[in-house]
Amino acid sequence: MSASPTEPNAAALLAGADERIERLRKTDATVVVQDADGRTISGVAVDADQTQHAFLFGCAALSLLKHAEPAQERLYQERFGDLFNLATMLTYWHVTEPERGRMDVAPLIAQVQRLKAMGIRIKGHPLVLAQASPGWAPTDVATTRDLTRRWIGDMVGRFAGEIDMWDVVGDATTAAGAGSGLAAWAREAGPAPFTADALRWTREASASALLLYNDYQLDEDFTRLIEDLHAARAPLDALGLEAHMIGSEWPLEKVWQTAETFARLAHPLHFTEVTVLSDDADADHAQSWPTTAAGEQRQADYVEQFYRLLFSHPAVESIGWWNLVDGDWDRHPGGLLRADLSPKPAYERLLRLIRGVWHTRAAMTTGPDGTAAFRGFAGRYRVTVRRGTQSTTLDCDLVAGRGNRVVVRL
């Protein structure tokens, strides 16, 4: 997809990214320092340090708790936690219920507990995917539908309070072509009723979870499906747009236009399953598919632009990388880390952006009215006030587009 004469080109889009980020992702805050009687205090030192982004920078935790060496596991978790505040955990039905009635969720429970301890939000992926249906699932539509409802209720209920976001249905626009019981149901019902049922059952199991529809077919079929879900009043909260770039990177104009197109459907956008390779694109990959120095530089340059562009789009609420480490998924070098867990330049670029350029740390002193004001990225903050030997610390959330007022008693 190339830019038409009436559409902005990549250079123009990137030139305006920082201004859009400043306007959309930052918010104003006022810290008010009071004494025990509620009187404001001037001349107090105030430090505000961002501890978490409101924007969701995610990644699939494909090899969490799977390293044989404890040092490698610690390093993997450190690299993951330094960069991401959202983890996608695989909840494929055929894996978690390999035999009808026999659940195998112990590994998933351990992973979820570890991520919660790390302070990372968790998304389950997926609940319903016709292309990954259990082999034991019958092709009888009524039975499969009933089993799916049970499965959704069990999984969502089992992880209530831990997994609060779900890719409820994936790839429904092409589900009918899969050879499975779920596919038979999708063929008989059609993509929208198939998806709407799953969304409603998930909402029944959790009143508060964020529910997504996720697909790689970013075309008119996707748009039509979402419009049909609107007409059916299905409980849909956000759209997942898959972005596996295995053959070549998307032109940045296409990235922006994709966000513009799907923003018209009036749901927040999550760019999911992002994959950008660091290979020699011209090499023969029949036997091996290694990362290369030139490929890593190309990956880094593109990833930095991709994230800057989407972070500056008003409809985008999340960017989710797919495989963190080369070899986690498929044969190709689509990780931000090499197989030995050393960081590629793309990882370093994102770390500089997310933990540096897009991170707020403010040091101030209250004025005569006992207040100190600053502007920072939306998210969670730790605010510390000090006067002499006295100090108080509290955590608070700053919300974009809102006048944030934080009162601290000293």
Foldseek 3Di string as FASTA:
>chain_A
DADDPVADALVVLLVCLVVLLQQQFKAKEKEFEAAPVRAFDFFWKKKKFFDDFQFFEAEEPLCAPPDPDPVLNVLSVVLRLLFGQEYEYEDQPCVQPVDVPDGDCVVVVVRLVVSVVSNHAYEYEALDELQRDHPPQDLPQVRNLVVSLVSLLVVLLVCPPRHQEHQYYEALLCNCPHDGSLNSNCVVPPSQVSSLSSQVSNCVNPVGGAYEHAYAPLDVSVVVSLVSNVVVVRDHAEYEHEAAPPLAHDRVSVLLVSCVVCVVSVHAYAHEQHFQAQFDNPDDPPPAADHDLNSLVVRQVVLLSSVSSQSSDNRYRYYYHYAQEQPSDPRHRRHQAYNSRHGGNNSVSSSCVVVNVQTDMDIDTGHPSNMDMDMHGWAKIWMWIDDDPDIDIDIDTDDPPDHHYHYHYD
